[in-house]
Amino acid sequence: MPAKKKARTYKGKSTRPGGGGRFAKMVDALKRKGKSAAQAKKIAAAAGRKKYGAKKMASYATRGRKRAAAKKRKR
């Protein structure tokens, strides 16, 4: 059996949909183009809502908040 491909990571986040890596990568790219952090996050979120829909983006955000809270508790 072939080995499973490991998802690439971006700053500790998975680049699979919902992992946060694609979002973070887009935010960094927008910041390099001169956007502020807040502007970059808003643009990336709007692009995600356009691609995945509001319901799915909301579920991704919820999962991300839960993951961040769990990580914080672990420390």
N, C-alpha and C. Protein backbone atom coordinates (compact mmCIF):
# COMPACT_ATOMS: atom_id res chain seq x y z
N MET A 1 0.83 -1.19 0.00
CA MET A 1 0.00 0.00 0.00
C MET A 1 0.87 1.25 0.00
N PRO A 2 0.51 2.23 -0.80
CA PRO A 2 1.30 3.46 -0.79
C PRO A 2 1.05 4.25 0.50
N ALA A 3 2.08 4.92 0.95
CA ALA A 3 1.97 5.72 2.17
C ALA A 3 1.05 6.91 1.91
N LYS A 4 0.31 7.29 2.96
CA LYS A 4 -0.56 8.45 2.84
C LYS A 4 0.27 9.71 2.72
N LYS A 5 -0.18 10.61 1.87
CA LYS A 5 0.52 11.89 1.77
C LYS A 5 0.18 12.74 2.98
N LYS A 6 1.20 13.29 3.58
CA LYS A 6 0.98 14.17 4.72
C LYS A 6 0.64 15.56 4.21
N ALA A 7 -0.36 16.17 4.81
CA ALA A 7 -0.75 17.52 4.40
C ALA A 7 0.39 18.48 4.70
N ARG A 8 0.66 19.36 3.78
CA ARG A 8 1.68 20.38 4.02
C ARG A 8 1.16 21.34 5.07
N THR A 9 2.07 21.94 5.81
CA THR A 9 1.63 22.87 6.84
C THR A 9 2.15 24.26 6.54
N TYR A 10 1.44 25.22 7.04
CA TYR A 10 1.84 26.60 6.93
C TYR A 10 1.77 27.20 8.32
N LYS A 11 2.92 27.42 8.90
CA LYS A 11 3.01 27.96 10.26
C LYS A 11 2.21 27.12 11.25
N GLY A 12 2.37 25.81 11.15
CA GLY A 12 1.71 24.92 12.09
C GLY A 12 0.26 24.62 11.79
N LYS A 13 -0.24 25.08 10.66
CA LYS A 13 -1.63 24.85 10.30
C LYS A 13 -1.70 23.98 9.06
N SER A 14 -2.69 23.14 8.99
CA SER A 14 -2.86 22.26 7.84
C SER A 14 -3.35 23.07 6.64
N THR A 15 -2.90 22.70 5.45
CA THR A 15 -3.37 23.39 4.25
C THR A 15 -4.61 22.71 3.66
N ARG A 16 -5.14 21.72 4.37
CA ARG A 16 -6.41 21.13 3.95
C ARG A 16 -7.52 22.14 4.23
N PRO A 17 -8.63 22.06 3.50
CA PRO A 17 -9.74 22.99 3.78
C PRO A 17 -10.17 22.89 5.24
N GLY A 18 -10.24 24.05 5.88
CA GLY A 18 -10.64 24.09 7.28
C GLY A 18 -9.49 24.02 8.25
N GLY A 19 -8.28 23.81 7.75
CA GLY A 19 -7.12 23.70 8.63
C GLY A 19 -6.53 25.03 9.02
N GLY A 20 -6.85 26.08 8.30
CA GLY A 20 -6.35 27.41 8.62
C GLY A 20 -5.09 27.80 7.88
N GLY A 21 -4.43 26.85 7.26
CA GLY A 21 -3.17 27.14 6.57
C GLY A 21 -3.35 27.98 5.32
N ARG A 22 -4.37 27.67 4.56
CA ARG A 22 -4.63 28.44 3.33
C ARG A 22 -5.00 29.88 3.68
N PHE A 23 -5.82 30.03 4.73
CA PHE A 23 -6.23 31.36 5.18
C PHE A 23 -5.01 32.17 5.60
N ALA A 24 -4.15 31.56 6.43
CA ALA A 24 -2.96 32.24 6.93
C ALA A 24 -2.02 32.61 5.79
N LYS A 25 -1.90 31.73 4.82
CA LYS A 25 -1.03 31.98 3.68
C LYS A 25 -1.53 33.18 2.87
N MET A 26 -2.86 33.23 2.67
CA MET A 26 -3.44 34.34 1.92
C MET A 26 -3.29 35.66 2.68
N VAL A 27 -3.48 35.61 3.99
CA VAL A 27 -3.33 36.81 4.82
C VAL A 27 -1.91 37.34 4.71
N ASP A 28 -0.92 36.45 4.80
CA ASP A 28 0.48 36.87 4.68
C ASP A 28 0.77 37.47 3.31
N ALA A 29 0.21 36.86 2.27
CA ALA A 29 0.43 37.38 0.91
C ALA A 29 -0.17 38.77 0.77
N LEU A 30 -1.35 38.99 1.34
CA LEU A 30 -1.99 40.30 1.27
C LEU A 30 -1.21 41.34 2.07
N LYS A 31 -0.66 40.92 3.22
CA LYS A 31 0.15 41.85 4.03
C LYS A 31 1.40 42.28 3.27
N ARG A 32 2.00 41.33 2.53
CA ARG A 32 3.18 41.67 1.74
C ARG A 32 2.84 42.67 0.64
N LYS A 33 1.59 42.67 0.20
CA LYS A 33 1.17 43.62 -0.84
C LYS A 33 0.80 44.98 -0.26
N GLY A 34 0.93 45.13 1.08
CA GLY A 34 0.71 46.44 1.68
C GLY A 34 -0.59 46.60 2.45
N LYS A 35 -1.37 45.55 2.57
CA LYS A 35 -2.61 45.63 3.33
C LYS A 35 -2.30 45.49 4.82
N SER A 36 -3.15 46.08 5.66
CA SER A 36 -2.98 45.91 7.11
C SER A 36 -3.45 44.52 7.48
N ALA A 37 -3.15 44.10 8.70
CA ALA A 37 -3.54 42.76 9.14
C ALA A 37 -5.06 42.61 9.14
N ALA A 38 -5.77 43.64 9.61
CA ALA A 38 -7.23 43.58 9.65
C ALA A 38 -7.82 43.52 8.24
N GLN A 39 -7.29 44.34 7.34
CA GLN A 39 -7.77 44.34 5.95
C GLN A 39 -7.53 42.98 5.30
N ALA A 40 -6.35 42.43 5.53
CA ALA A 40 -5.98 41.16 4.93
C ALA A 40 -6.91 40.04 5.40
N LYS A 41 -7.22 40.02 6.70
CA LYS A 41 -8.11 39.00 7.24
C LYS A 41 -9.52 39.13 6.68
N LYS A 42 -9.99 40.37 6.52
CA LYS A 42 -11.32 40.59 5.97
C LYS A 42 -11.40 40.15 4.51
N ILE A 43 -10.37 40.44 3.74
CA ILE A 43 -10.34 40.05 2.33
C ILE A 43 -10.30 38.53 2.21
N ALA A 44 -9.46 37.88 3.02
CA ALA A 44 -9.34 36.42 2.98
C ALA A 44 -10.65 35.76 3.40
N ALA A 45 -11.31 36.31 4.40
CA ALA A 45 -12.59 35.75 4.84
C ALA A 45 -13.66 35.90 3.76
N ALA A 46 -13.68 37.04 3.09
CA ALA A 46 -14.65 37.26 2.02
C ALA A 46 -14.42 36.28 0.87
N ALA A 47 -13.15 36.04 0.54
CA ALA A 47 -12.82 35.10 -0.53
C ALA A 47 -13.24 33.68 -0.13
N GLY A 48 -13.03 33.34 1.12
CA GLY A 48 -13.43 32.02 1.61
C GLY A 48 -14.93 31.84 1.59
N ARG A 49 -15.67 32.88 1.99
CA ARG A 49 -17.13 32.81 1.96
C ARG A 49 -17.64 32.66 0.53
N LYS A 50 -16.96 33.31 -0.41
CA LYS A 50 -17.36 33.21 -1.81
C LYS A 50 -17.11 31.79 -2.33
N LYS A 51 -15.99 31.19 -1.92
CA LYS A 51 -15.63 29.86 -2.40
C LYS A 51 -16.42 28.75 -1.71
N TYR A 52 -16.52 28.82 -0.37
CA TYR A 52 -17.12 27.73 0.40
C TYR A 52 -18.53 28.00 0.89
N GLY A 53 -18.96 29.26 0.89
CA GLY A 53 -20.28 29.61 1.41
C GLY A 53 -20.17 30.02 2.87
N ALA A 54 -21.15 30.80 3.30
CA ALA A 54 -21.11 31.35 4.66
C ALA A 54 -21.22 30.26 5.72
N LYS A 55 -22.05 29.25 5.47
CA LYS A 55 -22.26 28.20 6.46
C LYS A 55 -20.98 27.39 6.71
N LYS A 56 -20.30 27.01 5.64
CA LYS A 56 -19.09 26.21 5.77
C LYS A 56 -17.97 27.05 6.39
N MET A 57 -17.85 28.31 6.00
CA MET A 57 -16.81 29.17 6.58
C MET A 57 -17.05 29.36 8.08
N ALA A 58 -18.32 29.47 8.47
CA ALA A 58 -18.64 29.61 9.89
C ALA A 58 -18.24 28.35 10.65
N SER A 59 -18.45 27.18 10.03
CA SER A 59 -18.05 25.95 10.71
C SER A 59 -16.53 25.85 10.81
N TYR A 60 -15.81 26.30 9.78
CA TYR A 60 -14.35 26.31 9.84
C TYR A 60 -13.87 27.23 10.95
N ALA A 61 -14.50 28.39 11.08
CA ALA A 61 -14.11 29.35 12.11
C ALA A 61 -14.36 28.78 13.50
N THR A 62 -15.50 28.10 13.67
CA THR A 62 -15.82 27.49 14.96
C THR A 62 -14.79 26.43 15.32
N ARG A 63 -14.44 25.59 14.36
CA ARG A 63 -13.45 24.55 14.60
C ARG A 63 -12.10 25.17 14.96
N GLY A 64 -11.75 26.27 14.30
CA GLY A 64 -10.49 26.95 14.58
C GLY A 64 -10.45 27.54 15.97
N ARG A 65 -11.55 28.14 16.40
CA ARG A 65 -11.61 28.71 17.74
C ARG A 65 -11.51 27.61 18.80
N LYS A 66 -12.19 26.48 18.56
CA LYS A 66 -12.12 25.36 19.50
C LYS A 66 -10.71 24.80 19.57
N ARG A 67 -10.05 24.69 18.41
CA ARG A 67 -8.69 24.17 18.36
C ARG A 67 -7.74 25.11 19.12
N ALA A 68 -7.92 26.41 18.94
CA ALA A 68 -7.07 27.39 19.61
C ALA A 68 -7.29 27.36 21.13
N ALA A 69 -8.54 27.21 21.55
CA ALA A 69 -8.85 27.16 22.97
C ALA A 69 -8.25 25.91 23.61
N ALA A 70 -8.33 24.79 22.89
CA ALA A 70 -7.76 23.54 23.40
C ALA A 70 -6.26 23.64 23.53
N LYS A 71 -5.63 24.29 22.56
CA LYS A 71 -4.18 24.46 22.58
C LYS A 71 -3.77 25.34 23.76
N LYS A 72 -4.58 26.37 24.02
CA LYS A 72 -4.30 27.30 25.11
C LYS A 72 -4.42 26.60 26.47
N ARG A 73 -5.44 25.73 26.61
CA ARG A 73 -5.64 24.99 27.85
C ARG A 73 -4.52 24.00 28.10
N LYS A 74 -3.96 23.47 27.02
CA LYS A 74 -2.91 22.45 27.12
C LYS A 74 -1.65 23.00 27.78
N ARG A 75 -1.37 24.26 27.57
CA ARG A 75 -0.14 24.88 28.08
C ARG A 75 -0.09 24.92 29.55
